[in-house]
Amino acid sequence: MGIKIGNINANTSVKLGTTTIQSGYIGTDLIFGNQIIKILDAYGSAHHAYSLRKLGSVYNGACLRVRRTTASPNLITTTTADVEFDSNGTISFSSPISNKTGNATNAINLGEFAIGAVDGLTAQSVINVVTWYDQSGNSKNPTNATVTQQPRLVRLDSGVATLETSGGKAAVRFIRTSSTRLRIADTSADINNLSSYFVGAYAAFSTNTQNVYSLSTTNRWYLPASTSGGVYAGYDNDAFAIFLNTMNTDRKLYELISPSPSSNSFIIAYSNGVVVGDALIQSGPISSIDIGAAGGLNPYDGFIQEIITYQSNANRLQKERNINSYWQIYGL
């Protein structure tokens, strides 16, 4: 049956008498099977939470608001719509769309919306992200009304609508040359007691500075940022930067925890579950939540799949396991 003690791992049949057990847990840790407890069901009270998977069973809202602007040889029209989670709790071409505004569409899901045949379109369309909805329940929804700066959910490959993916799972693609970014003003978090979890991947090696996700402050909280081929987490001042790893195009799970469980004077950072360093805590309330740039500066070139930030440093390891169990970033 192949059960491994420790990080137990078995996806073959497990039975209690003649009844097949589909999954098993110790606490909230999945020990066998394919089901994963939704992270906000196990660990709620996130300050903000953005993901292309459904993070909690009580959340009934959409994942993204997107825009379709048709291209020639079609009549140019613009339609916006909310993209909901599919039956598997993720984003796919089967994801229903709702709350449609602008030019009318007959599409009922993301695939029909991108392909456009149901609307009589003769060319398929790029789909861009207008807003990434916050699943925490706090309505901290970063957005961008400037169409040229909206990141991408669906691209065209030789004219064929193709969902953006990283590691085989749906992703939002941020494009540096277009300065794509999403932002919301917010002053409600305190970086002295905060923990952030980030899943994403750079698209290409670069020595250019790139700000991926940040909370803009006098001492800006960021996770990650890159410059001169290195990837860092921490605060704006270089003295409080924590080296995560050399720049690469692998998907990563980065974590930044304030304060460190071992010291109230330090923050601590992790890369794929491994401690990589710490830095002194710097005080400061946040002024905004920025995804894809920091106040419009040093835009990101890459993919983002999940960002969750808590006003707490509790249950770091359990949250890490839940995130990695779903996204399959590194070996269990």
Protein backbone atom coordinates (compact mmCIF):
# COMPACT_ATOMS: atom_id res chain seq x y z
CA MET A 1 0.00 0.00 0.00
CA GLY A 2 3.05 2.26 0.31
CA ILE A 3 2.38 4.25 3.47
CA LYS A 4 5.40 6.27 4.63
CA ILE A 5 5.64 7.14 8.31
CA GLY A 6 6.65 10.75 8.97
CA ASN A 7 5.24 12.74 6.08
CA ILE A 8 2.91 9.83 5.37
CA ASN A 9 2.18 9.35 1.72
CA ALA A 10 -0.20 6.81 0.20
CA ASN A 11 -2.69 7.25 -2.63
CA THR A 12 -3.59 3.59 -3.09
CA SER A 13 -6.64 1.94 -1.56
CA VAL A 14 -6.98 2.05 2.24
CA LYS A 15 -9.91 0.15 3.79
CA LEU A 16 -11.71 -0.02 7.11
CA GLY A 17 -13.25 -3.45 6.87
CA THR A 18 -14.70 -3.50 3.36
CA THR A 19 -15.16 0.27 3.18
CA THR A 20 -12.58 2.20 1.15
CA ILE A 21 -11.33 5.29 2.99
CA GLN A 22 -10.66 8.08 0.52
CA SER A 23 -8.41 10.19 2.75
CA GLY A 24 -7.08 10.40 6.27
CA TYR A 25 -5.75 13.15 8.50
CA ILE A 26 -3.82 13.64 11.69
CA GLY A 27 -5.19 16.97 12.85
CA THR A 28 -5.25 19.05 9.67
CA ASP A 29 -2.32 17.22 8.02
CA LEU A 30 -3.32 14.98 5.12
CA ILE A 31 -1.66 11.57 5.66
CA PHE A 32 -3.11 9.75 2.65
CA GLY A 33 -5.47 10.40 -0.24
CA ASN A 34 -5.99 13.36 -2.52
CA GLN A 35 -8.31 15.59 -0.52
CA ILE A 36 -6.84 18.65 1.17
CA ILE A 37 -8.55 20.66 3.91
CA LYS A 38 -9.07 24.20 2.68
CA ILE A 39 -6.51 26.39 4.41
CA LEU A 40 -8.98 29.07 5.56
CA ASP A 41 -11.21 26.38 7.04
CA ALA A 42 -8.31 25.15 9.17
CA TYR A 43 -6.63 28.54 9.72
CA GLY A 44 -9.03 31.41 9.21
CA SER A 45 -8.67 35.09 10.01
CA ALA A 46 -6.36 35.92 7.11
CA HIS A 47 -5.75 39.62 6.58
CA HIS A 48 -5.97 39.12 2.81
CA ALA A 49 -5.95 36.00 0.65
CA TYR A 50 -5.61 35.72 -3.13
CA SER A 51 -5.47 32.40 -4.92
CA LEU A 52 -6.49 30.46 -8.02
CA ARG A 53 -7.86 27.74 -5.74
CA LYS A 54 -10.80 28.08 -3.38
CA LEU A 55 -9.31 28.70 0.06
CA GLY A 56 -12.36 28.27 2.31
CA SER A 57 -15.73 26.54 2.15
CA VAL A 58 -17.61 29.62 3.41
CA TYR A 59 -16.33 31.82 0.59
CA ASN A 60 -18.98 32.05 -2.12
CA GLY A 61 -17.56 34.87 -4.21
CA ALA A 62 -15.67 34.91 -7.49
CA CYS A 63 -11.93 34.46 -7.89
CA LEU A 64 -11.18 37.16 -10.46
CA ARG A 65 -12.80 39.91 -12.47
CA VAL A 66 -11.55 39.78 -16.04
CA ARG A 67 -11.75 41.74 -19.27
CA ARG A 68 -12.16 40.57 -22.85
CA THR A 69 -11.45 43.07 -25.60
CA THR A 70 -12.02 41.48 -28.97
CA ALA A 71 -9.38 41.83 -31.64
CA SER A 72 -9.60 42.32 -35.42
CA PRO A 73 -11.02 41.03 -37.69
CA ASN A 74 -13.90 41.19 -35.20
CA LEU A 75 -15.71 44.36 -34.26
CA ILE A 76 -13.76 45.64 -31.26
CA THR A 77 -15.88 45.26 -28.10
CA THR A 78 -15.10 45.08 -24.39
CA THR A 79 -16.82 42.85 -21.84
CA THR A 80 -15.93 42.32 -18.18
CA ALA A 81 -17.06 39.39 -16.05
CA ASP A 82 -16.39 37.61 -12.78
CA VAL A 83 -14.68 34.21 -13.00
CA GLU A 84 -15.89 31.73 -10.41
CA PHE A 85 -14.29 28.50 -9.21
CA ASP A 86 -15.03 25.33 -11.15
CA SER A 87 -16.38 22.12 -9.58
CA ASN A 88 -12.85 21.24 -8.44
CA GLY A 89 -12.42 24.54 -6.62
CA THR A 90 -9.91 25.96 -9.06
CA ILE A 91 -9.76 28.06 -12.22
CA SER A 92 -10.11 26.38 -15.61
CA PHE A 93 -11.92 26.90 -18.89
CA SER A 94 -14.89 25.24 -17.13
CA SER A 95 -15.04 28.04 -14.55
CA PRO A 96 -18.45 29.78 -14.72
CA ILE A 97 -18.56 33.48 -15.47
CA SER A 98 -21.12 35.90 -14.03
CA ASN A 99 -21.82 39.58 -13.38
CA LYS A 100 -21.16 40.44 -17.02
CA THR A 101 -20.96 44.10 -18.02
CA GLY A 102 -20.14 45.97 -21.21
CA ASN A 103 -20.85 44.34 -24.57
CA ALA A 104 -23.18 41.36 -24.24
CA THR A 105 -21.85 37.82 -24.24
CA ASN A 106 -23.58 34.43 -24.46
CA ALA A 107 -20.62 32.69 -22.81
CA ILE A 108 -21.34 30.77 -19.61
CA ASN A 109 -17.76 29.80 -18.73
CA LEU A 110 -14.22 31.07 -19.17
CA GLY A 111 -13.50 28.82 -22.14
CA GLU A 112 -16.50 30.05 -24.13
CA PHE A 113 -15.65 33.62 -23.16
CA ALA A 114 -12.08 33.31 -24.47
CA ILE A 115 -12.90 31.34 -27.63
CA GLY A 116 -15.81 33.63 -28.50
CA ALA A 117 -17.64 31.37 -30.98
CA VAL A 118 -20.88 31.59 -28.95
CA ASP A 119 -20.77 35.35 -29.57
CA GLY A 120 -20.12 34.99 -33.29
CA LEU A 121 -16.48 35.99 -32.99
CA THR A 122 -14.04 34.73 -35.58
CA ALA A 123 -10.92 35.26 -33.45
CA GLN A 124 -10.17 34.07 -29.95
CA SER A 125 -9.25 36.57 -27.24
CA VAL A 126 -6.68 37.34 -24.58
CA ILE A 127 -8.30 37.58 -21.14
CA ASN A 128 -6.85 40.09 -18.68
CA VAL A 129 -7.34 40.40 -14.92
CA VAL A 130 -9.03 43.57 -13.68
CA THR A 131 -9.41 42.57 -10.01
CA TRP A 132 -8.17 39.71 -7.84
CA TYR A 133 -10.81 39.08 -5.18
CA ASP A 134 -9.85 38.67 -1.54
CA GLN A 135 -11.12 35.37 -0.09
CA SER A 136 -10.46 36.39 3.52
CA GLY A 137 -13.82 38.13 3.78
CA ASN A 138 -12.14 41.50 4.33
CA SER A 139 -12.82 42.81 0.80
CA LYS A 140 -9.23 43.84 0.15
CA ASN A 141 -9.50 43.47 -3.62
CA PRO A 142 -6.47 44.78 -5.56
CA THR A 143 -7.43 46.12 -8.97
CA ASN A 144 -6.24 48.12 -11.97
CA ALA A 145 -8.53 50.08 -14.26
CA THR A 146 -5.75 50.84 -16.76
CA VAL A 147 -6.20 48.20 -19.45
CA THR A 148 -2.56 48.20 -20.60
CA GLN A 149 -1.44 47.41 -17.05
CA GLN A 150 -3.76 44.47 -16.33
CA PRO A 151 -2.05 41.07 -15.93
CA ARG A 152 -3.09 38.13 -18.06
CA LEU A 153 -5.10 34.98 -17.38
CA VAL A 154 -5.51 33.70 -20.95
CA ARG A 155 -2.98 34.19 -23.76
CA LEU A 156 -3.10 33.38 -27.46
CA ASP A 157 -0.80 30.66 -28.80
CA SER A 158 -0.92 30.90 -32.60
CA GLY A 159 -4.38 32.39 -32.23
CA VAL A 160 -5.62 29.72 -29.80
CA ALA A 161 -6.82 30.81 -26.36
CA THR A 162 -4.60 29.13 -23.75
CA LEU A 163 -4.92 29.33 -19.97
CA GLU A 164 -1.80 30.67 -18.26
CA THR A 165 -0.24 27.97 -16.09
CA SER A 166 2.80 27.34 -13.94
CA GLY A 167 3.65 23.82 -12.85
CA GLY A 168 0.55 22.57 -14.65
CA LYS A 169 -1.84 24.71 -12.57
CA ALA A 170 -3.60 27.97 -13.43
CA ALA A 171 -1.60 31.16 -12.86
CA VAL A 172 -1.86 34.92 -13.36
CA ARG A 173 0.90 36.18 -15.68
CA PHE A 174 2.49 39.53 -14.88
CA ILE A 175 4.45 41.13 -17.75
CA ARG A 176 7.27 43.50 -16.91
CA THR A 177 7.30 45.33 -20.26
CA SER A 178 3.63 46.27 -19.74
CA SER A 179 4.10 47.27 -16.08
CA THR A 180 1.21 44.99 -15.13
CA ARG A 181 0.10 45.33 -11.53
CA LEU A 182 -2.83 45.28 -9.10
CA ARG A 183 -3.21 47.54 -6.06
CA ILE A 184 -5.50 48.53 -3.23
CA ALA A 185 -4.96 51.24 -0.62
CA ASP A 186 -4.99 49.73 2.87
CA THR A 187 -3.67 50.81 6.25
CA SER A 188 -5.14 48.10 8.47
CA ALA A 189 -2.18 45.73 8.96
CA ASP A 190 0.87 45.99 11.19
CA ILE A 191 4.12 44.51 9.85
CA ASN A 192 5.34 43.87 13.40
CA ASN A 193 3.00 40.88 13.61
CA LEU A 194 2.42 39.44 10.16
CA SER A 195 3.03 36.29 8.13
CA SER A 196 2.91 36.03 4.34
CA TYR A 197 2.89 32.96 2.06
CA PHE A 198 3.64 33.36 -1.65
CA VAL A 199 3.48 30.85 -4.54
CA GLY A 200 4.82 31.88 -7.93
CA ALA A 201 7.63 31.73 -10.46
CA TYR A 202 9.77 34.20 -12.35
CA ALA A 203 9.37 33.93 -16.12
CA ALA A 204 13.01 34.59 -17.03
CA PHE A 205 16.39 35.35 -15.47
CA SER A 206 17.02 39.07 -15.07
CA THR A 207 19.29 41.45 -13.19
CA ASN A 208 16.59 44.12 -13.21
CA THR A 209 14.90 44.95 -9.91
CA GLN A 210 11.44 43.39 -9.68
CA ASN A 211 8.93 43.93 -6.87
CA VAL A 212 6.55 40.97 -6.81
CA TYR A 213 4.32 41.43 -3.75
CA SER A 214 4.68 44.17 -1.19
CA LEU A 215 2.95 46.13 1.52
CA SER A 216 4.06 49.70 0.94
CA THR A 217 5.32 51.34 4.12
CA THR A 218 8.17 53.53 5.27
CA ASN A 219 9.96 50.20 5.66
CA ARG A 220 8.18 48.24 2.92
CA TRP A 221 7.35 44.56 3.56
CA TYR A 222 8.10 42.54 0.43
CA LEU A 223 7.96 38.87 -0.59
CA PRO A 224 9.81 38.45 -2.82
CA ALA A 225 11.81 41.08 -4.68
CA SER A 226 14.77 40.47 -6.97
CA THR A 227 17.81 42.44 -8.05
CA SER A 228 21.15 41.58 -9.67
CA GLY A 229 20.20 37.90 -9.96
CA GLY A 230 19.25 37.43 -6.30
CA VAL A 231 15.81 37.02 -4.73
CA TYR A 232 15.10 38.62 -1.34
CA ALA A 233 12.43 39.12 1.33
CA GLY A 234 12.19 41.62 4.16
CA TYR A 235 11.99 45.39 4.43
CA ASP A 236 12.80 48.18 2.00
CA ASN A 237 16.18 49.04 3.51
CA ASP A 238 18.95 46.77 2.17
CA ALA A 239 20.16 46.23 5.73
CA PHE A 240 16.93 44.35 6.43
CA ALA A 241 16.85 42.18 3.29
CA ILE A 242 16.94 38.38 3.62
CA PHE A 243 18.50 36.44 0.74
CA LEU A 244 16.10 33.71 -0.43
CA ASN A 245 17.99 32.20 -3.35
CA THR A 246 19.64 33.03 -6.65
CA MET A 247 17.16 34.00 -9.32
CA ASN A 248 15.65 31.08 -11.26
CA THR A 249 12.43 30.15 -13.04
CA ASP A 250 11.36 27.38 -10.63
CA ARG A 251 8.07 27.72 -8.79
CA LYS A 252 8.71 28.61 -5.17
CA LEU A 253 6.85 28.80 -1.89
CA TYR A 254 8.25 31.78 0.00
CA GLU A 255 7.30 32.65 3.59
CA LEU A 256 8.02 35.74 5.68
CA ILE A 257 7.12 35.54 9.37
CA SER A 258 7.07 38.44 11.84
CA PRO A 259 8.07 37.95 14.55
CA SER A 260 10.18 34.82 14.32
CA PRO A 261 8.86 32.11 16.68
CA SER A 262 12.30 32.11 18.33
CA SER A 263 12.72 35.88 18.81
CA ASN A 264 10.38 38.86 19.05
CA SER A 265 13.13 41.08 17.63
CA PHE A 266 13.48 39.35 14.25
CA ILE A 267 11.53 38.39 11.18
CA ILE A 268 12.40 35.07 9.53
CA ALA A 269 12.12 33.88 5.91
CA TYR A 270 11.70 30.45 4.34
CA SER A 271 12.21 29.18 0.78
CA ASN A 272 10.48 25.89 -0.04
CA GLY A 273 10.18 25.07 3.65
CA VAL A 274 13.82 25.78 4.54
CA VAL A 275 14.91 28.65 6.80
CA VAL A 276 17.11 31.00 4.78
CA GLY A 277 17.71 33.92 7.15
CA ASP A 278 16.35 36.60 9.44
CA ALA A 279 16.46 40.36 9.95
CA LEU A 280 15.57 42.88 12.63
CA ILE A 281 11.90 43.85 12.79
CA GLN A 282 11.12 47.36 11.57
CA SER A 283 7.98 49.18 12.68
CA GLY A 284 5.36 50.60 10.39
CA PRO A 285 1.71 50.40 9.32
CA ILE A 286 1.04 49.54 5.70
CA SER A 287 -0.34 51.99 3.14
CA SER A 288 -1.28 49.63 0.31
CA ILE A 289 -1.25 46.05 -0.94
CA ASP A 290 0.69 45.84 -4.21
CA ILE A 291 0.88 42.80 -6.48
CA GLY A 292 3.20 42.90 -9.48
CA ALA A 293 5.00 46.13 -8.52
CA ALA A 294 5.51 48.43 -5.54
CA GLY A 295 3.70 51.70 -6.05
CA GLY A 296 4.12 51.18 -9.80
CA LEU A 297 7.89 50.75 -9.55
CA ASN A 298 10.08 47.85 -10.72
CA PRO A 299 7.33 45.63 -12.19
CA TYR A 300 7.44 41.84 -12.05
CA ASP A 301 7.91 39.39 -14.92
CA GLY A 302 6.41 36.08 -13.89
CA PHE A 303 3.51 34.05 -12.52
CA ILE A 304 1.55 34.29 -9.27
CA GLN A 305 -0.78 31.56 -8.02
CA GLU A 306 -1.35 32.33 -4.36
CA ILE A 307 -0.68 35.02 -1.75
CA ILE A 308 -2.05 34.68 1.80
CA THR A 309 -1.16 37.06 4.62
CA TYR A 310 -2.19 36.66 8.26
CA GLN A 311 -2.08 39.20 11.10
CA SER A 312 -0.36 36.48 13.12
CA ASN A 313 2.72 34.25 13.05
CA ALA A 314 0.87 31.15 14.27
CA ASN A 315 0.74 27.66 12.68
CA ARG A 316 3.44 28.38 10.09
CA LEU A 317 4.39 24.76 9.45
CA GLN A 318 0.81 23.56 9.10
CA LYS A 319 -0.01 26.37 6.65
CA GLU A 320 3.13 25.59 4.66
CA ARG A 321 2.16 21.91 4.40
CA ASN A 322 -1.35 22.77 3.23
CA ILE A 323 -0.05 25.13 0.54
CA ASN A 324 2.57 22.71 -0.72
CA SER A 325 0.15 19.76 -0.65
CA TYR A 326 -2.06 21.56 -3.15
CA TRP A 327 0.50 23.32 -5.35
CA GLN A 328 3.04 20.45 -5.30
CA ILE A 329 6.05 22.75 -5.37
CA TYR A 330 8.64 20.54 -3.69
CA GLY A 331 8.80 16.97 -2.39
CA LEU A 332 6.90 16.01 0.73
